[in-house]
Amino acid sequence: MKRVRINAGTVGLVFKNGDYQRVVTQGVYWFFGKKIVKYSLSEAMERAPVALEILERDEELTAMWHQIDVLDTELVVVYKNDQYSQVLTAGRYVFWKGMVDYRFTRVDLSKIYITEAIEKSLFAKYDLAKHVRTFDVAATEKAVMLVDDVYVKTLTGGTYRFWKNATSIKMIHADLRQLQLEVAGQELLTKDKAAIRINFYAQYKVTDIEKALLGNKNYEKQLYVAMQLALRAFIGTHTLDELLENKSQIANAVFEDTKTAANKLGVTVLYCGIRDVILTGEMKDIMNQVLVAQKRAQANVITRREETASTRSLLNTAKLMEDNQMLFKLKEMEYVEKIAEKIGEITVSGNGSMVQQLTDLFAVSK
């Protein structure tokens, strides 16, 4: 005979020769040849001593527990006293009644949308997070959602969660901000066969995300090619001089030519511009020679113009001195003065005018 005490908050399952007999609650019991298995009412029955199908035959026992059956396509979120406890996967579970207030939320994993009332904070729990797919869409983006490669809807900025199962979910993102496309290092031939290199850029925005992402593949590359072809077409119909004189026309022409193509791609071109027009090595040398020749010609014209003006001034001065003897004398004295500045010492006699002697002296010296 064995004395067994069942304390408050526990139950005991009585077995004889391995067969279940009955359940006992709080109290003192005497048993002979029997085995008592005790369980805490605050914990789940993690491992039953016999098959649950055997224990289920006792209606008194089954009235004392919650029996949760979880299918392969389900999850059950367990709350103890309104606090998250655990996630149950496929299987059969037993939780005792009486001590703890349990609450169970059943999840259908065969669908992708999370419609169950589960707090967002719980998705940070690993036991639950491993069954969830999370997608982030930035505030400056939109994304198209594909379920089994079929378009479903367009999502704006935010965090989106879906149950993890065999269904495929894809998110394709597009930046809604103003973007810049560089068409750099394009080597082109002008109408007069001059080789030039152009660095071109365009600013654009994605305005129709479904058309850009679903109706076209690599819309950025297609926009690049459209601008490249428009650039080649315009350059090939103008000479080098025309292009250098009207560089702004290149950007305007490319802008007009690519607007329609851009709309078909779901984007809007906002602005086009030329960063650089670079001449190749030989062409650069030729243009430098042309520039030097032009500047020399301009310098010669200016020199000739100045010489003509100087000659005309001398002629006018000569005519004035021919008509005015006093002016002639003053000019002669100015001439003598300039020569005298360059001579260290001059000896003259006292006979006659000193100016006349200097004049005669310089005239003889000359």
Protein backbone atom coordinates (compact mmCIF):
# COMPACT_ATOMS: atom_id res chain seq x y z
CA MET A 1 0.00 0.00 0.00
CA LYS A 2 1.37 3.41 -1.00
CA ARG A 3 0.22 6.83 0.16
CA VAL A 4 0.12 9.52 -2.56
CA ARG A 5 -0.64 13.23 -2.11
CA ILE A 6 -1.95 15.28 -5.03
CA ASN A 7 -1.26 18.93 -4.30
CA ALA A 8 -3.32 21.87 -5.48
CA GLY A 9 -2.58 22.74 -9.11
CA THR A 10 -1.72 19.17 -10.07
CA VAL A 11 -3.54 16.10 -11.28
CA GLY A 12 -2.60 12.44 -11.31
CA LEU A 13 -3.22 9.70 -13.83
CA VAL A 14 -3.55 6.26 -12.27
CA PHE A 15 -2.17 3.22 -14.12
CA LYS A 16 -2.22 -0.46 -13.21
CA ASN A 17 0.01 -2.84 -15.09
CA GLY A 18 0.43 -0.11 -17.73
CA ASP A 19 -3.31 0.34 -18.28
CA TYR A 20 -4.99 3.67 -17.56
CA GLN A 21 -7.45 3.53 -14.65
CA ARG A 22 -8.64 7.01 -13.76
CA VAL A 23 -7.70 10.61 -12.95
CA VAL A 24 -7.29 11.96 -9.40
CA THR A 25 -7.24 15.61 -8.30
CA GLN A 26 -6.13 17.39 -5.08
CA GLY A 27 -6.13 15.09 -2.02
CA VAL A 28 -4.43 12.11 -0.32
CA TYR A 29 -4.83 8.64 -1.82
CA TRP A 30 -3.76 5.09 -0.95
CA PHE A 31 -2.83 2.78 -3.80
CA PHE A 32 -1.66 -0.81 -3.99
CA GLY A 33 0.17 -2.03 -7.08
CA LYS A 34 -0.60 1.10 -9.03
CA LYS A 35 1.48 3.86 -10.65
CA ILE A 36 0.64 7.55 -10.43
CA VAL A 37 1.82 10.03 -13.11
CA LYS A 38 1.51 13.64 -11.96
CA TYR A 39 1.04 16.72 -14.16
CA SER A 40 1.08 20.44 -13.36
CA LEU A 41 -2.10 22.21 -14.41
CA SER A 42 -0.01 25.26 -15.40
CA GLU A 43 1.90 23.33 -18.07
CA ALA A 44 0.90 21.51 -21.22
CA MET A 45 0.94 17.74 -21.29
CA GLU A 46 4.03 17.46 -23.47
CA ARG A 47 4.27 13.67 -23.47
CA ALA A 48 1.39 11.36 -22.58
CA PRO A 49 2.29 8.04 -20.94
CA VAL A 50 -0.11 6.25 -23.34
CA ALA A 51 -1.84 7.13 -26.58
CA LEU A 52 -4.25 10.04 -26.28
CA GLU A 53 -6.90 7.93 -27.97
CA ILE A 54 -6.94 5.77 -24.82
CA LEU A 55 -7.13 8.73 -22.45
CA GLU A 56 -9.92 10.31 -24.50
CA ARG A 57 -12.28 7.51 -23.43
CA ASP A 58 -12.41 9.03 -19.96
CA GLU A 59 -14.95 11.87 -20.21
CA GLU A 60 -13.99 13.17 -16.79
CA LEU A 61 -10.39 13.51 -17.93
CA THR A 62 -11.15 15.12 -21.29
CA ALA A 63 -13.32 17.70 -19.54
CA MET A 64 -10.17 18.82 -17.70
CA TRP A 65 -8.11 19.78 -20.77
CA HIS A 66 -8.00 21.62 -24.08
CA GLN A 67 -7.17 19.25 -26.90
CA ILE A 68 -5.76 21.06 -29.94
CA ASP A 69 -5.41 19.20 -33.24
CA VAL A 70 -3.24 21.08 -35.79
CA LEU A 71 -3.34 20.04 -39.46
CA ASP A 72 -0.37 20.10 -41.82
CA THR A 73 -1.66 23.33 -43.41
CA GLU A 74 -2.25 25.07 -40.09
CA LEU A 75 -0.58 26.85 -37.23
CA VAL A 76 -2.02 27.62 -33.81
CA VAL A 77 -0.79 30.62 -31.83
CA VAL A 78 -1.10 29.99 -28.09
CA TYR A 79 -1.70 32.76 -25.55
CA LYS A 80 -1.41 32.18 -21.79
CA ASN A 81 -3.30 34.76 -19.72
CA ASP A 82 -3.43 36.98 -22.85
CA GLN A 83 0.35 36.78 -23.29
CA TYR A 84 1.99 35.15 -26.29
CA SER A 85 3.34 31.71 -25.40
CA GLN A 86 4.19 29.59 -28.43
CA VAL A 87 3.29 28.45 -31.95
CA LEU A 88 1.99 24.96 -32.55
CA THR A 89 2.73 23.16 -35.80
CA ALA A 90 1.09 20.00 -37.15
CA GLY A 91 0.26 17.55 -34.34
CA ARG A 92 -1.97 16.95 -31.31
CA TYR A 93 -1.55 18.95 -28.10
CA VAL A 94 -3.15 18.96 -24.64
CA PHE A 95 -3.34 21.95 -22.26
CA TRP A 96 -4.82 21.61 -18.78
CA LYS A 97 -7.69 23.79 -17.68
CA GLY A 98 -8.12 25.43 -14.31
CA MET A 99 -4.85 27.20 -13.56
CA VAL A 100 -4.12 29.13 -16.79
CA ASP A 101 -6.47 30.99 -19.09
CA TYR A 102 -5.54 29.78 -22.57
CA ARG A 103 -6.48 31.39 -25.87
CA PHE A 104 -5.80 29.85 -29.26
CA THR A 105 -5.64 31.54 -32.69
CA ARG A 106 -5.79 29.12 -35.60
CA VAL A 107 -3.93 30.07 -38.80
CA ASP A 108 -4.68 28.69 -42.24
CA LEU A 109 -1.32 28.32 -44.02
CA SER A 110 -2.92 27.30 -47.31
CA LYS A 111 -3.58 31.00 -48.03
CA ILE A 112 -1.05 33.80 -48.31
CA TYR A 113 -2.85 36.75 -46.73
CA ILE A 114 -2.65 37.21 -42.96
CA THR A 115 -6.27 37.83 -41.97
CA GLU A 116 -6.01 36.52 -38.42
CA ALA A 117 -6.00 38.95 -35.49
CA ILE A 118 -2.30 38.74 -34.61
CA GLU A 119 -0.41 41.71 -33.16
CA LYS A 120 2.38 43.05 -35.39
CA SER A 121 4.88 42.83 -32.55
CA LEU A 122 4.54 39.04 -32.50
CA PHE A 123 6.00 38.75 -36.00
CA ALA A 124 9.38 39.49 -34.45
CA LYS A 125 9.15 36.18 -32.53
CA TYR A 126 11.25 33.57 -34.30
CA ASP A 127 8.67 30.78 -33.82
CA LEU A 128 6.14 32.84 -35.77
CA ALA A 129 8.51 34.78 -38.06
CA LYS A 130 9.84 31.60 -39.70
CA HIS A 131 6.35 30.97 -41.09
CA VAL A 132 6.01 34.48 -42.52
CA ARG A 133 7.35 36.16 -45.69
CA THR A 134 8.13 39.86 -45.26
CA PHE A 135 8.52 42.41 -48.06
CA ASP A 136 9.55 46.05 -47.60
CA VAL A 137 8.60 48.77 -50.08
CA ALA A 138 10.38 52.09 -49.51
CA ALA A 139 8.43 55.34 -49.22
CA THR A 140 9.97 56.49 -52.52
CA GLU A 141 8.96 53.29 -54.34
CA LYS A 142 6.05 51.31 -55.65
CA ALA A 143 6.06 47.57 -56.24
CA VAL A 144 3.97 45.22 -58.33
CA MET A 145 2.94 42.02 -56.59
CA LEU A 146 3.00 38.75 -58.53
CA VAL A 147 1.39 35.61 -57.08
CA ASP A 148 2.46 32.49 -58.96
CA ASP A 149 3.80 34.91 -61.61
CA VAL A 150 0.37 36.53 -62.08
CA TYR A 151 -0.03 40.26 -61.43
CA VAL A 152 -2.29 40.89 -58.43
CA LYS A 153 -1.90 44.53 -57.37
CA THR A 154 0.44 47.48 -56.95
CA LEU A 155 1.77 48.27 -53.48
CA THR A 156 2.87 51.62 -52.10
CA GLY A 157 5.47 52.19 -49.40
CA GLY A 158 5.22 49.97 -46.33
CA THR A 159 5.93 46.54 -44.84
CA TYR A 160 3.89 43.60 -46.11
CA ARG A 161 3.66 40.12 -44.58
CA PHE A 162 2.29 36.92 -46.03
CA TRP A 163 2.09 33.35 -44.77
CA LYS A 164 4.87 31.14 -46.06
CA ASN A 165 3.66 28.21 -48.17
CA ALA A 166 4.11 26.69 -51.62
CA THR A 167 2.57 29.73 -53.34
CA SER A 168 5.15 31.95 -55.06
CA ILE A 169 5.14 35.67 -54.21
CA LYS A 170 7.36 38.19 -55.99
CA MET A 171 7.75 41.93 -55.59
CA ILE A 172 9.22 44.03 -58.40
CA HIS A 173 10.19 47.52 -57.27
CA ALA A 174 10.40 50.82 -59.15
CA ASP A 175 11.85 54.08 -57.82
CA LEU A 176 9.37 56.96 -58.18
CA ARG A 177 11.94 59.71 -57.68
CA GLN A 178 13.49 61.76 -60.48
CA LEU A 179 16.19 59.61 -62.06
CA GLN A 180 19.12 60.40 -64.35
CA LEU A 181 20.28 58.37 -67.33
CA GLU A 182 23.81 58.82 -68.71
CA VAL A 183 24.55 58.19 -72.40
CA ALA A 184 28.32 58.60 -72.13
CA GLY A 185 31.20 58.28 -74.59
CA GLN A 186 29.10 58.00 -77.75
CA GLU A 187 31.43 58.11 -80.78
CA LEU A 188 29.44 59.48 -83.71
CA LEU A 189 30.03 60.68 -87.29
CA THR A 190 28.66 64.02 -88.43
CA LYS A 191 27.24 64.72 -91.86
CA ASP A 192 30.70 65.82 -93.08
CA LYS A 193 32.27 62.61 -91.66
CA ALA A 194 33.89 64.26 -88.64
CA ALA A 195 34.30 61.89 -85.67
CA ILE A 196 33.13 63.29 -82.34
CA ARG A 197 32.39 61.91 -78.89
CA ILE A 198 29.32 63.11 -76.96
CA ASN A 199 28.41 62.73 -73.29
CA PHE A 200 24.64 63.07 -72.99
CA TYR A 201 22.24 62.80 -70.05
CA ALA A 202 18.49 62.78 -69.46
CA GLN A 203 16.30 63.15 -66.37
CA TYR A 204 13.12 61.09 -66.15
CA LYS A 205 10.52 59.62 -63.79
CA VAL A 206 8.53 56.38 -63.77
CA THR A 207 4.88 57.42 -64.13
CA ASP A 208 3.16 54.13 -65.04
CA ILE A 209 4.68 51.36 -62.91
CA GLU A 210 2.58 48.53 -64.37
CA LYS A 211 3.57 49.46 -67.93
CA ALA A 212 7.23 49.95 -66.97
CA LEU A 213 7.64 46.71 -65.01
CA LEU A 214 5.11 44.37 -66.61
CA GLY A 215 4.70 45.69 -70.14
CA ASN A 216 8.42 46.08 -70.77
CA LYS A 217 11.59 44.25 -69.87
CA ASN A 218 14.47 46.43 -68.65
CA TYR A 219 12.73 49.74 -69.36
CA GLU A 220 15.92 51.63 -68.41
CA LYS A 221 17.96 49.85 -71.10
CA GLN A 222 15.24 50.46 -73.67
CA LEU A 223 15.16 54.16 -72.80
CA TYR A 224 18.96 54.26 -73.12
CA VAL A 225 18.83 52.68 -76.60
CA ALA A 226 16.03 55.04 -77.72
CA MET A 227 18.10 58.07 -76.73
CA GLN A 228 21.22 56.62 -78.29
CA LEU A 229 19.46 56.09 -81.65
CA ALA A 230 17.87 59.56 -81.56
CA LEU A 231 21.29 61.06 -80.85
CA ARG A 232 22.90 59.19 -83.75
CA ALA A 233 20.10 60.17 -86.14
CA PHE A 234 20.41 63.87 -85.33
CA ILE A 235 24.21 64.01 -85.41
CA GLY A 236 24.30 62.25 -88.79
CA THR A 237 22.22 64.98 -90.44
CA HIS A 238 24.34 67.97 -89.36
CA THR A 239 27.87 69.12 -90.05
CA LEU A 240 30.44 69.62 -87.33
CA ASP A 241 30.25 73.40 -87.56
CA GLU A 242 26.46 73.32 -87.27
CA LEU A 243 26.65 71.11 -84.18
CA LEU A 244 29.29 73.23 -82.46
CA GLU A 245 27.32 76.40 -83.13
CA ASN A 246 23.96 74.98 -81.95
CA LYS A 247 24.66 72.39 -79.27
CA SER A 248 21.36 73.10 -77.52
CA GLN A 249 19.49 71.86 -80.58
CA ILE A 250 20.89 68.36 -80.00
CA ALA A 251 19.25 68.08 -76.58
CA ASN A 252 15.94 69.47 -77.87
CA ALA A 253 15.91 67.08 -80.83
CA VAL A 254 16.62 64.02 -78.67
CA PHE A 255 13.99 65.15 -76.15
CA GLU A 256 11.30 65.41 -78.82
CA ASP A 257 12.26 62.13 -80.50
CA THR A 258 12.23 60.08 -77.30
CA LYS A 259 9.04 61.41 -75.67
CA THR A 260 6.77 58.97 -77.46
CA ALA A 261 9.07 56.00 -76.93
CA ALA A 262 9.41 56.91 -73.24
CA ASN A 263 5.63 57.02 -72.77
CA LYS A 264 5.36 53.50 -74.18
CA LEU A 265 7.87 52.43 -71.52
CA GLY A 266 5.83 53.96 -68.72
CA VAL A 267 8.29 56.80 -68.05
CA THR A 268 8.26 60.54 -68.69
CA VAL A 269 11.40 62.34 -69.87
CA LEU A 270 11.73 65.64 -68.00
CA TYR A 271 14.92 67.14 -69.42
CA CYS A 272 17.79 66.34 -71.76
CA GLY A 273 21.19 67.98 -71.96
CA ILE A 274 24.73 67.68 -73.36
CA ARG A 275 27.56 67.46 -70.91
CA ASP A 276 30.47 67.43 -73.38
CA VAL A 277 31.23 67.42 -77.11
CA ILE A 278 34.73 65.96 -77.47
CA LEU A 279 36.76 65.92 -80.69
CA THR A 280 38.94 62.90 -81.44
CA GLY A 281 42.75 63.23 -81.62
CA GLU A 282 43.21 64.08 -85.33
CA MET A 283 40.09 66.19 -85.52
CA LYS A 284 41.18 68.10 -82.43
CA ASP A 285 44.54 68.95 -84.06
CA ILE A 286 42.80 70.09 -87.25
CA MET A 287 40.39 72.30 -85.34
CA ASN A 288 43.28 73.81 -83.38
CA GLN A 289 45.04 74.64 -86.65
CA VAL A 290 41.87 76.21 -88.04
CA LEU A 291 41.47 78.24 -84.86
CA VAL A 292 45.08 79.42 -84.97
CA ALA A 293 44.72 80.40 -88.66
CA GLN A 294 41.52 82.29 -87.92
CA LYS A 295 43.12 84.18 -85.06
CA ARG A 296 46.19 85.02 -87.16
CA ALA A 297 43.96 86.31 -89.95
CA GLN A 298 42.07 88.45 -87.46
CA ALA A 299 45.38 89.77 -86.06
CA ASN A 300 46.62 90.64 -89.58
CA VAL A 301 43.42 92.51 -90.34
CA ILE A 302 43.77 94.51 -87.13
CA THR A 303 47.45 95.24 -87.91
CA ARG A 304 46.64 96.44 -91.44
CA ARG A 305 43.83 98.57 -90.13
CA GLU A 306 46.18 100.22 -87.61
CA GLU A 307 48.87 100.77 -90.25
CA THR A 308 46.36 102.37 -92.59
CA ALA A 309 45.15 104.68 -89.87
CA SER A 310 48.73 105.61 -88.99
CA THR A 311 49.63 106.35 -92.63
CA ARG A 312 46.51 108.46 -93.03
CA SER A 313 47.45 110.44 -89.93
CA LEU A 314 51.00 111.05 -91.28
CA LEU A 315 49.60 112.21 -94.61
CA ASN A 316 47.28 114.67 -92.91
CA THR A 317 50.17 115.97 -90.79
CA ALA A 318 52.36 116.43 -93.88
CA LYS A 319 49.66 118.43 -95.64
CA LEU A 320 49.29 120.71 -92.65
CA MET A 321 53.05 121.34 -92.41
CA GLU A 322 53.20 122.09 -96.13
CA ASP A 323 50.68 124.87 -95.71
CA ASN A 324 51.99 126.17 -92.39
CA GLN A 325 55.70 127.03 -92.02
CA MET A 326 55.46 127.59 -88.27
CA LEU A 327 54.01 124.08 -87.81
CA PHE A 328 56.88 122.73 -89.89
CA LYS A 329 59.41 124.48 -87.60
CA LEU A 330 57.72 123.09 -84.48
CA LYS A 331 57.77 119.57 -85.90
CA GLU A 332 61.42 120.04 -86.84
CA MET A 333 62.27 121.14 -83.29
CA GLU A 334 60.38 118.10 -81.92
CA TYR A 335 62.43 115.90 -84.24
CA VAL A 336 65.71 117.51 -83.10
CA GLU A 337 64.68 117.13 -79.47
CA LYS A 338 64.05 113.39 -79.82
CA ILE A 339 67.41 112.86 -81.51
CA ALA A 340 69.26 114.98 -78.98
CA GLU A 341 67.96 112.83 -76.13
CA LYS A 342 70.05 109.96 -77.45
CA ILE A 343 73.33 111.92 -77.81
CA GLY A 344 75.61 112.44 -74.83
CA GLU A 345 77.48 115.66 -75.94
CA ILE A 346 77.13 118.14 -78.90
CA THR A 347 79.54 121.07 -79.69
CA VAL A 348 78.23 124.02 -81.73
CA SER A 349 79.81 127.36 -82.70
CA GLY A 350 78.42 130.76 -81.89
CA ASN A 351 77.63 131.70 -85.48
CA GLY A 352 74.00 131.49 -86.53
CA SER A 353 70.99 129.91 -84.91
CA MET A 354 71.69 127.01 -82.59
CA VAL A 355 68.58 125.17 -83.73
CA GLN A 356 69.64 125.67 -87.34
CA GLN A 357 73.15 124.36 -86.55
CA LEU A 358 71.64 121.29 -84.84
CA THR A 359 69.35 120.73 -87.76
CA ASP A 360 72.20 120.98 -90.22
CA LEU A 361 74.36 118.73 -88.05
CA PHE A 362 71.74 115.96 -87.84
CA ALA A 363 70.90 116.31 -91.45
CA VAL A 364 74.58 115.91 -92.41
CA SER A 365 74.98 113.01 -89.96
CA LYS A 366 72.02 111.31 -91.54
